[in-house]
Amino acid sequence: MGRFVSFLAVTLALVAAAASADAQERGRGLGLGRFGEPPAVAAGRAYQEPAYARGYADGYRHAQDDRADRRSYDPVAHRDYREADQGFNRSYGSREAYKTNYRAGFRAGYDAGYRRR
């Protein structure tokens, strides 16, 4: 019985490791942003998620306003995009990395909001 339990434990560990490796090959578990964007700077996830999510929400809102007001598609025209530090907190890490991820989220959100995806 003891050997069976050991065999089962080892088998489950190998299956879990294989599943994890398979998921990483498909881009999961690599620190990708909430919306599947790769991180622009190789660093911890601490600031990637909030920056991308905040940028996405801001971009989506600006795009809906632009579309409603019949303005042309231009995410870069917005001050939020250019400044890109809305919601930044020092605990997130580098301000420049935060800005890069914020802008990536903003562009994705703007595109989705303008095209109503």
PDB file of N, CA and C in Angstrom:
ATOM      1  N   MET A   1       0.826  -1.202   0.000  1.00  0.00           N
ATOM      2  CA  MET A   1       0.000   0.000   0.000  1.00  0.00           C
ATOM      3  C   MET A   1       0.863   1.256   0.000  1.00  0.00           C
ATOM      4  N   GLY A   2       1.992   1.227   0.745  1.00  0.00           N
ATOM      5  CA  GLY A   2       2.884   2.373   0.820  1.00  0.00           C
ATOM      6  C   GLY A   2       3.503   2.703  -0.525  1.00  0.00           C
ATOM      7  N   ARG A   3       3.872   1.648  -1.289  1.00  0.00           N
ATOM      8  CA  ARG A   3       4.452   1.879  -2.605  1.00  0.00           C
ATOM      9  C   ARG A   3       3.426   2.481  -3.557  1.00  0.00           C
ATOM     10  N   PHE A   4       2.194   2.044  -3.455  1.00  0.00           N
ATOM     11  CA  PHE A   4       1.140   2.571  -4.316  1.00  0.00           C
ATOM     12  C   PHE A   4       0.933   4.057  -4.058  1.00  0.00           C
ATOM     13  N   VAL A   5       0.902   4.452  -2.787  1.00  0.00           N
ATOM     14  CA  VAL A   5       0.719   5.865  -2.433  1.00  0.00           C
ATOM     15  C   VAL A   5       1.899   6.685  -2.959  1.00  0.00           C
ATOM     16  N   SER A   6       3.112   6.180  -2.809  1.00  0.00           N
ATOM     17  CA  SER A   6       4.300   6.874  -3.321  1.00  0.00           C
ATOM     18  C   SER A   6       4.231   6.994  -4.840  1.00  0.00           C
ATOM     19  N   PHE A   7       3.855   5.897  -5.505  1.00  0.00           N
ATOM     20  CA  PHE A   7       3.727   5.913  -6.961  1.00  0.00           C
ATOM     21  C   PHE A   7       2.682   6.930  -7.399  1.00  0.00           C
ATOM     22  N   LEU A   8       1.552   6.966  -6.711  1.00  0.00           N
ATOM     23  CA  LEU A   8       0.489   7.896  -7.037  1.00  0.00           C
ATOM     24  C   LEU A   8       0.940   9.334  -6.843  1.00  0.00           C
ATOM     25  N   ALA A   9       1.652   9.612  -5.763  1.00  0.00           N
ATOM     26  CA  ALA A   9       2.145  10.964  -5.493  1.00  0.00           C
ATOM     27  C   ALA A   9       3.125  11.418  -6.575  1.00  0.00           C
ATOM     28  N   VAL A  10       4.037  10.537  -6.965  1.00  0.00           N
ATOM     29  CA  VAL A  10       5.014  10.873  -8.001  1.00  0.00           C
ATOM     30  C   VAL A  10       4.315  11.096  -9.337  1.00  0.00           C
ATOM     31  N   THR A  11       3.349  10.250  -9.663  1.00  0.00           N
ATOM     32  CA  THR A  11       2.608  10.381 -10.913  1.00  0.00           C
ATOM     33  C   THR A  11       1.857  11.703 -10.968  1.00  0.00           C
ATOM     34  N   LEU A  12       1.189  12.062  -9.882  1.00  0.00           N
ATOM     35  CA  LEU A  12       0.459  13.327  -9.838  1.00  0.00           C
ATOM     36  C   LEU A  12       1.404  14.518  -9.967  1.00  0.00           C
ATOM     37  N   ALA A  13       2.571  14.435  -9.348  1.00  0.00           N
ATOM     38  CA  ALA A  13       3.550  15.522  -9.448  1.00  0.00           C
ATOM     39  C   ALA A  13       4.034  15.684 -10.884  1.00  0.00           C
ATOM     40  N   LEU A  14       4.282  14.576 -11.573  1.00  0.00           N
ATOM     41  CA  LEU A  14       4.729  14.640 -12.961  1.00  0.00           C
ATOM     42  C   LEU A  14       3.645  15.196 -13.877  1.00  0.00           C
ATOM     43  N   VAL A  15       2.409  14.804 -13.653  1.00  0.00           N
ATOM     44  CA  VAL A  15       1.299  15.316 -14.458  1.00  0.00           C
ATOM     45  C   VAL A  15       1.141  16.818 -14.237  1.00  0.00           C
ATOM     46  N   ALA A  16       1.241  17.263 -12.998  1.00  0.00           N
ATOM     47  CA  ALA A  16       1.123  18.694 -12.699  1.00  0.00           C
ATOM     48  C   ALA A  16       2.253  19.483 -13.346  1.00  0.00           C
ATOM     49  N   ALA A  17       3.474  18.950 -13.321  1.00  0.00           N
ATOM     50  CA  ALA A  17       4.615  19.632 -13.934  1.00  0.00           C
ATOM     51  C   ALA A  17       4.443  19.720 -15.447  1.00  0.00           C
ATOM     52  N   ALA A  18       3.957  18.652 -16.053  1.00  0.00           N
ATOM     53  CA  ALA A  18       3.746  18.648 -17.504  1.00  0.00           C
ATOM     54  C   ALA A  18       2.656  19.649 -17.893  1.00  0.00           C
ATOM     55  N   ALA A  19       1.597  19.712 -17.117  1.00  0.00           N
ATOM     56  CA  ALA A  19       0.513  20.660 -17.405  1.00  0.00           C
ATOM     57  C   ALA A  19       1.004  22.091 -17.270  1.00  0.00           C
ATOM     58  N   SER A  20       1.826  22.352 -16.276  1.00  0.00           N
ATOM     59  CA  SER A  20       2.376  23.687 -16.081  1.00  0.00           C
ATOM     60  C   SER A  20       3.273  24.078 -17.245  1.00  0.00           C
ATOM     61  N   ALA A  21       4.120  23.166 -17.692  1.00  0.00           N
ATOM     62  CA  ALA A  21       5.006  23.445 -18.825  1.00  0.00           C
ATOM     63  C   ALA A  21       4.199  23.689 -20.091  1.00  0.00           C
ATOM     64  N   ASP A  22       3.143  22.921 -20.293  1.00  0.00           N
ATOM     65  CA  ASP A  22       2.284  23.097 -21.463  1.00  0.00           C
ATOM     66  C   ASP A  22       1.610  24.455 -21.431  1.00  0.00           C
ATOM     67  N   ALA A  23       1.133  24.868 -20.265  1.00  0.00           N
ATOM     68  CA  ALA A  23       0.479  26.171 -20.131  1.00  0.00           C
ATOM     69  C   ALA A  23       1.470  27.296 -20.399  1.00  0.00           C
ATOM     70  N   GLN A  24       2.703  27.139 -19.943  1.00  0.00           N
ATOM     71  CA  GLN A  24       3.695  28.180 -20.176  1.00  0.00           C
ATOM     72  C   GLN A  24       4.041  28.292 -21.653  1.00  0.00           C
ATOM     73  N   GLU A  25       4.072  27.188 -22.363  1.00  0.00           N
ATOM     74  CA  GLU A  25       4.348  27.233 -23.796  1.00  0.00           C
ATOM     75  C   GLU A  25       3.259  27.985 -24.540  1.00  0.00           C
ATOM     76  N   ARG A  26       2.052  27.971 -24.028  1.00  0.00           N
ATOM     77  CA  ARG A  26       0.945  28.687 -24.664  1.00  0.00           C
ATOM     78  C   ARG A  26       0.844  30.116 -24.167  1.00  0.00           C
ATOM     79  N   GLY A  27       1.798  30.576 -23.338  1.00  0.00           N
ATOM     80  CA  GLY A  27       1.800  31.966 -22.915  1.00  0.00           C
ATOM     81  C   GLY A  27       1.150  32.221 -21.582  1.00  0.00           C
ATOM     82  N   ARG A  28       0.753  31.174 -20.893  1.00  0.00           N
ATOM     83  CA  ARG A  28       0.155  31.372 -19.571  1.00  0.00           C
ATOM     84  C   ARG A  28       1.219  31.163 -18.526  1.00  0.00           C
ATOM     85  N   GLY A  29       1.102  31.861 -17.424  1.00  0.00           N
ATOM     86  CA  GLY A  29       2.032  31.683 -16.333  1.00  0.00           C
ATOM     87  C   GLY A  29       3.353  32.395 -16.549  1.00  0.00           C
ATOM     88  N   LEU A  30       3.417  33.264 -17.542  1.00  0.00           N
ATOM     89  CA  LEU A  30       4.662  33.955 -17.825  1.00  0.00           C
ATOM     90  C   LEU A  30       4.612  35.419 -17.425  1.00  0.00           C
ATOM     91  N   GLY A  31       3.652  35.793 -16.618  1.00  0.00           N
ATOM     92  CA  GLY A  31       3.557  37.180 -16.218  1.00  0.00           C
ATOM     93  C   GLY A  31       2.842  38.032 -17.245  1.00  0.00           C
ATOM     94  N   LEU A  32       2.011  37.414 -18.084  1.00  0.00           N
ATOM     95  CA  LEU A  32       1.268  38.190 -19.053  1.00  0.00           C
ATOM     96  C   LEU A  32       0.226  39.028 -18.346  1.00  0.00           C
ATOM     97  N   GLY A  33      -0.101  40.138 -18.946  1.00  0.00           N
ATOM     98  CA  GLY A  33      -1.097  41.010 -18.364  1.00  0.00           C
ATOM     99  C   GLY A  33      -2.469  40.381 -18.361  1.00  0.00           C
ATOM    100  N   ARG A  34      -3.388  41.034 -17.727  1.00  0.00           N
ATOM    101  CA  ARG A  34      -4.740  40.517 -17.586  1.00  0.00           C
ATOM    102  C   ARG A  34      -5.385  40.220 -18.928  1.00  0.00           C
ATOM    103  N   PHE A  35      -5.032  40.997 -19.936  1.00  0.00           N
ATOM    104  CA  PHE A  35      -5.662  40.839 -21.234  1.00  0.00           C
ATOM    105  C   PHE A  35      -4.764  40.137 -22.235  1.00  0.00           C
ATOM    106  N   GLY A  36      -3.745  39.395 -21.748  1.00  0.00           N
ATOM    107  CA  GLY A  36      -2.905  38.599 -22.611  1.00  0.00           C
ATOM    108  C   GLY A  36      -1.742  39.337 -23.239  1.00  0.00           C
ATOM    109  N   GLU A  37      -1.521  40.582 -22.884  1.00  0.00           N
ATOM    110  CA  GLU A  37      -0.401  41.334 -23.428  1.00  0.00           C
ATOM    111  C   GLU A  37       0.888  40.918 -22.746  1.00  0.00           C
ATOM    112  N   PRO A  38       1.964  40.753 -23.505  1.00  0.00           N
ATOM    113  CA  PRO A  38       3.236  40.432 -22.867  1.00  0.00           C
ATOM    114  C   PRO A  38       3.767  41.636 -22.117  1.00  0.00           C
ATOM    115  N   PRO A  39       4.480  41.439 -21.035  1.00  0.00           N
ATOM    116  CA  PRO A  39       5.028  42.570 -20.307  1.00  0.00           C
ATOM    117  C   PRO A  39       6.077  43.281 -21.142  1.00  0.00           C
ATOM    118  N   ALA A  40       6.054  44.586 -21.138  1.00  0.00           N
ATOM    119  CA  ALA A  40       6.993  45.352 -21.942  1.00  0.00           C
ATOM    120  C   ALA A  40       8.377  45.355 -21.314  1.00  0.00           C
ATOM    121  N   VAL A  41       8.425  45.179 -20.016  1.00  0.00           N
ATOM    122  CA  VAL A  41       9.697  45.179 -19.308  1.00  0.00           C
ATOM    123  C   VAL A  41       9.752  43.920 -18.471  1.00  0.00           C
ATOM    124  N   ALA A  42      10.860  43.207 -18.518  1.00  0.00           N
ATOM    125  CA  ALA A  42      10.982  41.977 -17.736  1.00  0.00           C
ATOM    126  C   ALA A  42      11.130  42.345 -16.269  1.00  0.00           C
ATOM    127  N   ALA A  43      10.071  42.205 -15.524  1.00  0.00           N
ATOM    128  CA  ALA A  43      10.074  42.524 -14.103  1.00  0.00           C
ATOM    129  C   ALA A  43       8.937  41.761 -13.453  1.00  0.00           C
ATOM    130  N   GLY A  44       8.770  41.928 -12.146  1.00  0.00           N
ATOM    131  CA  GLY A  44       7.711  41.231 -11.423  1.00  0.00           C
ATOM    132  C   GLY A  44       6.336  41.698 -11.842  1.00  0.00           C
ATOM    133  N   ARG A  45       5.334  40.908 -11.512  1.00  0.00           N
ATOM    134  CA  ARG A  45       3.955  41.221 -11.893  1.00  0.00           C
ATOM    135  C   ARG A  45       3.366  42.327 -11.047  1.00  0.00           C
ATOM    136  N   ALA A  46       4.057  42.794 -10.039  1.00  0.00           N
ATOM    137  CA  ALA A  46       3.491  43.728  -9.069  1.00  0.00           C
ATOM    138  C   ALA A  46       2.863  44.950  -9.716  1.00  0.00           C
ATOM    139  N   TYR A  47       3.484  45.530 -10.728  1.00  0.00           N
ATOM    140  CA  TYR A  47       2.928  46.740 -11.328  1.00  0.00           C
ATOM    141  C   TYR A  47       2.317  46.493 -12.691  1.00  0.00           C
ATOM    142  N   GLN A  48       2.519  45.345 -13.289  1.00  0.00           N
ATOM    143  CA  GLN A  48       2.007  45.098 -14.626  1.00  0.00           C
ATOM    144  C   GLN A  48       0.486  45.051 -14.642  1.00  0.00           C
ATOM    145  N   GLU A  49      -0.080  44.324 -13.731  1.00  0.00           N
ATOM    146  CA  GLU A  49      -1.533  44.167 -13.720  1.00  0.00           C
ATOM    147  C   GLU A  49      -2.255  45.493 -13.474  1.00  0.00           C
ATOM    148  N   PRO A  50      -1.927  46.244 -12.425  1.00  0.00           N
ATOM    149  CA  PRO A  50      -2.658  47.489 -12.188  1.00  0.00           C
ATOM    150  C   PRO A  50      -2.467  48.506 -13.311  1.00  0.00           C
ATOM    151  N   ALA A  51      -1.268  48.605 -13.861  1.00  0.00           N
ATOM    152  CA  ALA A  51      -1.005  49.576 -14.923  1.00  0.00           C
ATOM    153  C   ALA A  51      -1.811  49.233 -16.171  1.00  0.00           C
ATOM    154  N   TYR A  52      -1.775  47.990 -16.578  1.00  0.00           N
ATOM    155  CA  TYR A  52      -2.493  47.574 -17.777  1.00  0.00           C
ATOM    156  C   TYR A  52      -4.007  47.727 -17.577  1.00  0.00           C
ATOM    157  N   ALA A  53      -4.499  47.287 -16.445  1.00  0.00           N
ATOM    158  CA  ALA A  53      -5.944  47.372 -16.173  1.00  0.00           C
ATOM    159  C   ALA A  53      -6.408  48.823 -16.123  1.00  0.00           C
ATOM    160  N   ARG A  54      -5.641  49.686 -15.471  1.00  0.00           N
ATOM    161  CA  ARG A  54      -6.010  51.102 -15.396  1.00  0.00           C
ATOM    162  C   ARG A  54      -5.965  51.731 -16.786  1.00  0.00           C
ATOM    163  N   GLY A  55      -4.910  51.429 -17.547  1.00  0.00           N
ATOM    164  CA  GLY A  55      -4.807  51.958 -18.903  1.00  0.00           C
ATOM    165  C   GLY A  55      -5.944  51.479 -19.796  1.00  0.00           C
ATOM    166  N   TYR A  56      -6.295  50.204 -19.672  1.00  0.00           N
ATOM    167  CA  TYR A  56      -7.381  49.647 -20.468  1.00  0.00           C
ATOM    168  C   TYR A  56      -8.696  50.375 -20.165  1.00  0.00           C
ATOM    169  N   ALA A  57      -8.998  50.540 -18.892  1.00  0.00           N
ATOM    170  CA  ALA A  57     -10.251  51.205 -18.497  1.00  0.00           C
ATOM    171  C   ALA A  57     -10.272  52.655 -18.977  1.00  0.00           C
ATOM    172  N   ASP A  58      -9.167  53.361 -18.820  1.00  0.00           N
ATOM    173  CA  ASP A  58      -9.107  54.757 -19.263  1.00  0.00           C
ATOM    174  C   ASP A  58      -9.226  54.850 -20.782  1.00  0.00           C
ATOM    175  N   GLY A  59      -8.525  53.987 -21.502  1.00  0.00           N
ATOM    176  CA  GLY A  59      -8.587  53.997 -22.959  1.00  0.00           C
ATOM    177  C   GLY A  59      -9.983  53.675 -23.471  1.00  0.00           C
ATOM    178  N   TYR A  60     -10.621  52.712 -22.840  1.00  0.00           N
ATOM    179  CA  TYR A  60     -11.983  52.326 -23.248  1.00  0.00           C
ATOM    180  C   TYR A  60     -12.947  53.509 -23.076  1.00  0.00           C
ATOM    181  N   ARG A  61     -12.831  54.181 -21.937  1.00  0.00           N
ATOM    182  CA  ARG A  61     -13.703  55.340 -21.654  1.00  0.00           C
ATOM    183  C   ARG A  61     -13.468  56.465 -22.655  1.00  0.00           C
ATOM    184  N   HIS A  62     -12.202  56.782 -22.925  1.00  0.00           N
ATOM    185  CA  HIS A  62     -11.890  57.849 -23.890  1.00  0.00           C
ATOM    186  C   HIS A  62     -12.378  57.486 -25.289  1.00  0.00           C
ATOM    187  N   ALA A  63     -12.250  56.233 -25.669  1.00  0.00           N
ATOM    188  CA  ALA A  63     -12.688  55.801 -26.995  1.00  0.00           C
ATOM    189  C   ALA A  63     -14.195  55.934 -27.147  1.00  0.00           C
ATOM    190  N   GLN A  64     -14.925  55.563 -26.127  1.00  0.00           N
ATOM    191  CA  GLN A  64     -16.381  55.691 -26.208  1.00  0.00           C
ATOM    192  C   GLN A  64     -16.787  57.158 -26.338  1.00  0.00           C
ATOM    193  N   ASP A  65     -16.085  58.036 -25.602  1.00  0.00           N
ATOM    194  CA  ASP A  65     -16.367  59.467 -25.728  1.00  0.00           C
ATOM    195  C   ASP A  65     -16.041  59.967 -27.133  1.00  0.00           C
ATOM    196  N   ASP A  66     -14.892  59.550 -27.662  1.00  0.00           N
ATOM    197  CA  ASP A  66     -14.501  59.980 -29.011  1.00  0.00           C
ATOM    198  C   ASP A  66     -15.498  59.491 -30.053  1.00  0.00           C
ATOM    199  N   ARG A  67     -15.914  58.258 -29.916  1.00  0.00           N
ATOM    200  CA  ARG A  67     -16.869  57.696 -30.877  1.00  0.00           C
ATOM    201  C   ARG A  67     -18.209  58.429 -30.797  1.00  0.00           C
ATOM    202  N   ALA A  68     -18.668  58.675 -29.582  1.00  0.00           N
ATOM    203  CA  ALA A  68     -19.950  59.366 -29.401  1.00  0.00           C
ATOM    204  C   ALA A  68     -19.901  60.792 -29.947  1.00  0.00           C
ATOM    205  N   ASP A  69     -18.730  61.432 -29.828  1.00  0.00           N
ATOM    206  CA  ASP A  69     -18.568  62.804 -30.314  1.00  0.00           C
ATOM    207  C   ASP A  69     -18.090  62.864 -31.766  1.00  0.00           C
ATOM    208  N   ARG A  70     -18.034  61.688 -32.418  1.00  0.00           N
ATOM    209  CA  ARG A  70     -17.630  61.565 -33.819  1.00  0.00           C
ATOM    210  C   ARG A  70     -16.221  62.110 -34.079  1.00  0.00           C
ATOM    211  N   ARG A  71     -15.338  61.910 -33.108  1.00  0.00           N
ATOM    212  CA  ARG A  71     -13.932  62.282 -33.297  1.00  0.00           C
ATOM    213  C   ARG A  71     -13.195  61.104 -33.927  1.00  0.00           C
ATOM    214  N   SER A  72     -12.100  61.396 -34.584  1.00  0.00           N
ATOM    215  CA  SER A  72     -11.331  60.343 -35.250  1.00  0.00           C
ATOM    216  C   SER A  72     -10.632  59.451 -34.222  1.00  0.00           C
ATOM    217  N   TYR A  73     -10.245  58.282 -34.684  1.00  0.00           N
ATOM    218  CA  TYR A  73      -9.539  57.297 -33.859  1.00  0.00           C
ATOM    219  C   TYR A  73      -8.132  57.825 -33.607  1.00  0.00           C
ATOM    220  N   ASP A  74      -7.839  58.190 -32.348  1.00  0.00           N
ATOM    221  CA  ASP A  74      -6.513  58.734 -32.035  1.00  0.00           C
ATOM    222  C   ASP A  74      -6.228  58.600 -30.539  1.00  0.00           C
ATOM    223  N   PRO A  75      -5.779  57.430 -30.107  1.00  0.00           N
ATOM    224  CA  PRO A  75      -5.524  57.244 -28.675  1.00  0.00           C
ATOM    225  C   PRO A  75      -4.399  58.128 -28.142  1.00  0.00           C
ATOM    226  N   VAL A  76      -3.438  58.460 -28.986  1.00  0.00           N
ATOM    227  CA  VAL A  76      -2.278  59.237 -28.544  1.00  0.00           C
ATOM    228  C   VAL A  76      -2.656  60.691 -28.255  1.00  0.00           C
ATOM    229  N   ALA A  77      -3.775  61.142 -28.749  1.00  0.00           N
ATOM    230  CA  ALA A  77      -4.191  62.527 -28.545  1.00  0.00           C
ATOM    231  C   ALA A  77      -4.601  62.822 -27.100  1.00  0.00           C
ATOM    232  N   HIS A  78      -4.796  61.813 -26.301  1.00  0.00           N
ATOM    233  CA  HIS A  78      -5.282  62.012 -24.936  1.00  0.00           C
ATOM    234  C   HIS A  78      -4.143  62.202 -23.949  1.00  0.00           C
ATOM    235  N   ARG A  79      -4.325  63.152 -23.064  1.00  0.00           N
ATOM    236  CA  ARG A  79      -3.309  63.439 -22.048  1.00  0.00           C
ATOM    237  C   ARG A  79      -3.053  62.226 -21.165  1.00  0.00           C
ATOM    238  N   ASP A  80      -4.098  61.478 -20.837  1.00  0.00           N
ATOM    239  CA  ASP A  80      -3.911  60.273 -20.008  1.00  0.00           C
ATOM    240  C   ASP A  80      -2.917  59.324 -20.664  1.00  0.00           C
ATOM    241  N   TYR A  81      -2.998  59.171 -21.977  1.00  0.00           N
ATOM    242  CA  TYR A  81      -2.066  58.292 -22.688  1.00  0.00           C
ATOM    243  C   TYR A  81      -0.651  58.859 -22.632  1.00  0.00           C
ATOM    244  N   ARG A  82      -0.518  60.137 -22.895  1.00  0.00           N
ATOM    245  CA  ARG A  82       0.820  60.745 -22.939  1.00  0.00           C
ATOM    246  C   ARG A  82       1.492  60.750 -21.572  1.00  0.00           C
ATOM    247  N   GLU A  83       0.752  61.064 -20.527  1.00  0.00           N
ATOM    248  CA  GLU A  83       1.344  61.099 -19.182  1.00  0.00           C
ATOM    249  C   GLU A  83       1.516  59.688 -18.627  1.00  0.00           C
ATOM    250  N   ALA A  84       0.520  58.853 -18.781  1.00  0.00           N
ATOM    251  CA  ALA A  84       0.561  57.415 -18.478  1.00  0.00           C
ATOM    252  C   ALA A  84       0.948  57.042 -17.056  1.00  0.00           C
ATOM    253  N   ASP A  85       0.715  57.942 -16.112  1.00  0.00           N
ATOM    254  CA  ASP A  85       1.059  57.576 -14.730  1.00  0.00           C
ATOM    255  C   ASP A  85      -0.141  57.632 -13.791  1.00  0.00           C
ATOM    256  N   GLN A  86      -1.340  57.634 -14.345  1.00  0.00           N
ATOM    257  CA  GLN A  86      -2.545  57.630 -13.528  1.00  0.00           C
ATOM    258  C   GLN A  86      -2.570  56.352 -12.698  1.00  0.00           C
ATOM    259  N   GLY A  87      -2.741  56.509 -11.408  1.00  0.00           N
ATOM    260  CA  GLY A  87      -2.838  55.350 -10.531  1.00  0.00           C
ATOM    261  C   GLY A  87      -1.510  54.769 -10.101  1.00  0.00           C
ATOM    262  N   PHE A  88      -0.394  55.395 -10.493  1.00  0.00           N
ATOM    263  CA  PHE A  88       0.915  54.848 -10.139  1.00  0.00           C
ATOM    264  C   PHE A  88       1.159  54.956  -8.640  1.00  0.00           C
ATOM    265  N   ASN A  89       1.760  53.902  -8.105  1.00  0.00           N
ATOM    266  CA  ASN A  89       2.172  53.864  -6.710  1.00  0.00           C
ATOM    267  C   ASN A  89       3.593  53.331  -6.689  1.00  0.00           C
ATOM    268  N   ARG A  90       4.451  53.914  -5.870  1.00  0.00           N
ATOM    269  CA  ARG A  90       5.852  53.484  -5.835  1.00  0.00           C
ATOM    270  C   ARG A  90       6.000  52.001  -5.553  1.00  0.00           C
ATOM    271  N   SER A  91       5.052  51.437  -4.844  1.00  0.00           N
ATOM    272  CA  SER A  91       5.148  50.005  -4.526  1.00  0.00           C
ATOM    273  C   SER A  91       5.024  49.136  -5.780  1.00  0.00           C
ATOM    274  N   TYR A  92       4.563  49.712  -6.900  1.00  0.00           N
ATOM    275  CA  TYR A  92       4.434  48.963  -8.146  1.00  0.00           C
ATOM    276  C   TYR A  92       5.777  48.747  -8.827  1.00  0.00           C
ATOM    277  N   GLY A  93       6.795  49.512  -8.470  1.00  0.00           N
ATOM    278  CA  GLY A  93       8.111  49.370  -9.085  1.00  0.00           C
ATOM    279  C   GLY A  93       8.461  50.591  -9.900  1.00  0.00           C
ATOM    280  N   SER A  94       9.104  50.380 -11.015  1.00  0.00           N
ATOM    281  CA  SER A  94       9.595  51.442 -11.883  1.00  0.00           C
ATOM    282  C   SER A  94       8.443  52.235 -12.510  1.00  0.00           C
ATOM    283  N   ARG A  95       8.554  53.554 -12.451  1.00  0.00           N
ATOM    284  CA  ARG A  95       7.540  54.418 -13.071  1.00  0.00           C
ATOM    285  C   ARG A  95       7.538  54.237 -14.594  1.00  0.00           C
ATOM    286  N   GLU A  96       8.706  54.099 -15.200  1.00  0.00           N
ATOM    287  CA  GLU A  96       8.774  53.937 -16.653  1.00  0.00           C
ATOM    288  C   GLU A  96       8.140  52.622 -17.102  1.00  0.00           C
ATOM    289  N   ALA A  97       8.366  51.562 -16.355  1.00  0.00           N
ATOM    290  CA  ALA A  97       7.739  50.283 -16.700  1.00  0.00           C
ATOM    291  C   ALA A  97       6.223  50.382 -16.528  1.00  0.00           C
ATOM    292  N   TYR A  98       5.778  51.077 -15.475  1.00  0.00           N
ATOM    293  CA  TYR A  98       4.347  51.282 -15.262  1.00  0.00           C
ATOM    294  C   TYR A  98       3.755  52.015 -16.465  1.00  0.00           C
ATOM    295  N   LYS A  99       4.434  53.070 -16.919  1.00  0.00           N
ATOM    296  CA  LYS A  99       3.947  53.855 -18.054  1.00  0.00           C
ATOM    297  C   LYS A  99       3.842  53.004 -19.316  1.00  0.00           C
ATOM    298  N   THR A 100       4.830  52.178 -19.549  1.00  0.00           N
ATOM    299  CA  THR A 100       4.817  51.306 -20.723  1.00  0.00           C
ATOM    300  C   THR A 100       3.612  50.371 -20.694  1.00  0.00           C
ATOM    301  N   ASN A 101       3.363  49.768 -19.543  1.00  0.00           N
ATOM    302  CA  ASN A 101       2.223  48.849 -19.413  1.00  0.00           C
ATOM    303  C   ASN A 101       0.898  49.589 -19.434  1.00  0.00           C
ATOM    304  N   TYR A 102       0.852  50.786 -18.856  1.00  0.00           N
ATOM    305  CA  TYR A 102      -0.365  51.601 -18.898  1.00  0.00           C
ATOM    306  C   TYR A 102      -0.721  51.919 -20.349  1.00  0.00           C
ATOM    307  N   ARG A 103       0.278  52.339 -21.115  1.00  0.00           N
ATOM    308  CA  ARG A 103       0.019  52.694 -22.521  1.00  0.00           C
ATOM    309  C   ARG A 103      -0.432  51.479 -23.338  1.00  0.00           C
ATOM    310  N   ALA A 104       0.151  50.320 -23.066  1.00  0.00           N
ATOM    311  CA  ALA A 104      -0.288  49.105 -23.769  1.00  0.00           C
ATOM    312  C   ALA A 104      -1.752  48.815 -23.452  1.00  0.00           C
ATOM    313  N   GLY A 105      -2.133  48.939 -22.191  1.00  0.00           N
ATOM    314  CA  GLY A 105      -3.524  48.745 -21.796  1.00  0.00           C
ATOM    315  C   GLY A 105      -4.430  49.804 -22.398  1.00  0.00           C
ATOM    316  N   PHE A 106      -3.959  51.046 -22.407  1.00  0.00           N
ATOM    317  CA  PHE A 106      -4.753  52.147 -22.961  1.00  0.00           C
ATOM    318  C   PHE A 106      -5.052  51.891 -24.437  1.00  0.00           C
ATOM    319  N   ARG A 107      -4.029  51.510 -25.207  1.00  0.00           N
ATOM    320  CA  ARG A 107      -4.239  51.240 -26.637  1.00  0.00           C
ATOM    321  C   ARG A 107      -5.236  50.103 -26.850  1.00  0.00           C
ATOM    322  N   ALA A 108      -5.088  49.042 -26.064  1.00  0.00           N
ATOM    323  CA  ALA A 108      -6.008  47.903 -26.200  1.00  0.00           C
ATOM    324  C   ALA A 108      -7.434  48.307 -25.816  1.00  0.00           C
ATOM    325  N   GLY A 109      -7.573  49.040 -24.730  1.00  0.00           N
ATOM    326  CA  GLY A 109      -8.900  49.498 -24.297  1.00  0.00           C
ATOM    327  C   GLY A 109      -9.507  50.479 -25.275  1.00  0.00           C
ATOM    328  N   TYR A 110      -8.683  51.379 -25.798  1.00  0.00           N
ATOM    329  CA  TYR A 110      -9.174  52.352 -26.765  1.00  0.00           C
ATOM    330  C   TYR A 110      -9.674  51.648 -28.021  1.00  0.00           C
ATOM    331  N   ASP A 111      -8.900  50.692 -28.482  1.00  0.00           N
ATOM    332  CA  ASP A 111      -9.302  49.942 -29.671  1.00  0.00           C
ATOM    333  C   ASP A 111     -10.623  49.217 -29.436  1.00  0.00           C
ATOM    334  N   ALA A 112     -10.745  48.563 -28.298  1.00  0.00           N
ATOM    335  CA  ALA A 112     -11.980  47.828 -27.987  1.00  0.00           C
ATOM    336  C   ALA A 112     -13.162  48.783 -27.836  1.00  0.00           C
ATOM    337  N   GLY A 113     -12.943  49.912 -27.188  1.00  0.00           N
ATOM    338  CA  GLY A 113     -14.034  50.867 -26.979  1.00  0.00           C
ATOM    339  C   GLY A 113     -14.457  51.570 -28.250  1.00  0.00           C
ATOM    340  N   TYR A 114     -13.507  51.895 -29.091  1.00  0.00           N
ATOM    341  CA  TYR A 114     -13.836  52.605 -30.333  1.00  0.00           C
ATOM    342  C   TYR A 114     -14.529  51.686 -31.314  1.00  0.00           C
ATOM    343  N   ARG A 115     -14.107  50.438 -31.322  1.00  0.00           N
ATOM    344  CA  ARG A 115     -14.692  49.466 -32.251  1.00  0.00           C
ATOM    345  C   ARG A 115     -15.831  48.685 -31.603  1.00  0.00           C
ATOM    346  N   ARG A 116     -16.123  49.015 -30.358  1.00  0.00           N
ATOM    347  CA  ARG A 116     -17.209  48.372 -29.571  1.00  0.00           C
ATOM    348  C   ARG A 116     -17.067  46.873 -29.492  1.00  0.00           C
ATOM    349  N   ARG A 117     -15.903  46.411 -29.079  1.00  0.00           N
ATOM    350  CA  ARG A 117     -15.675  44.977 -28.912  1.00  0.00           C
ATOM    351  C   ARG A 117     -16.008  44.565 -27.515  1.00  0.00           C
TER     352      ARG A 117
END
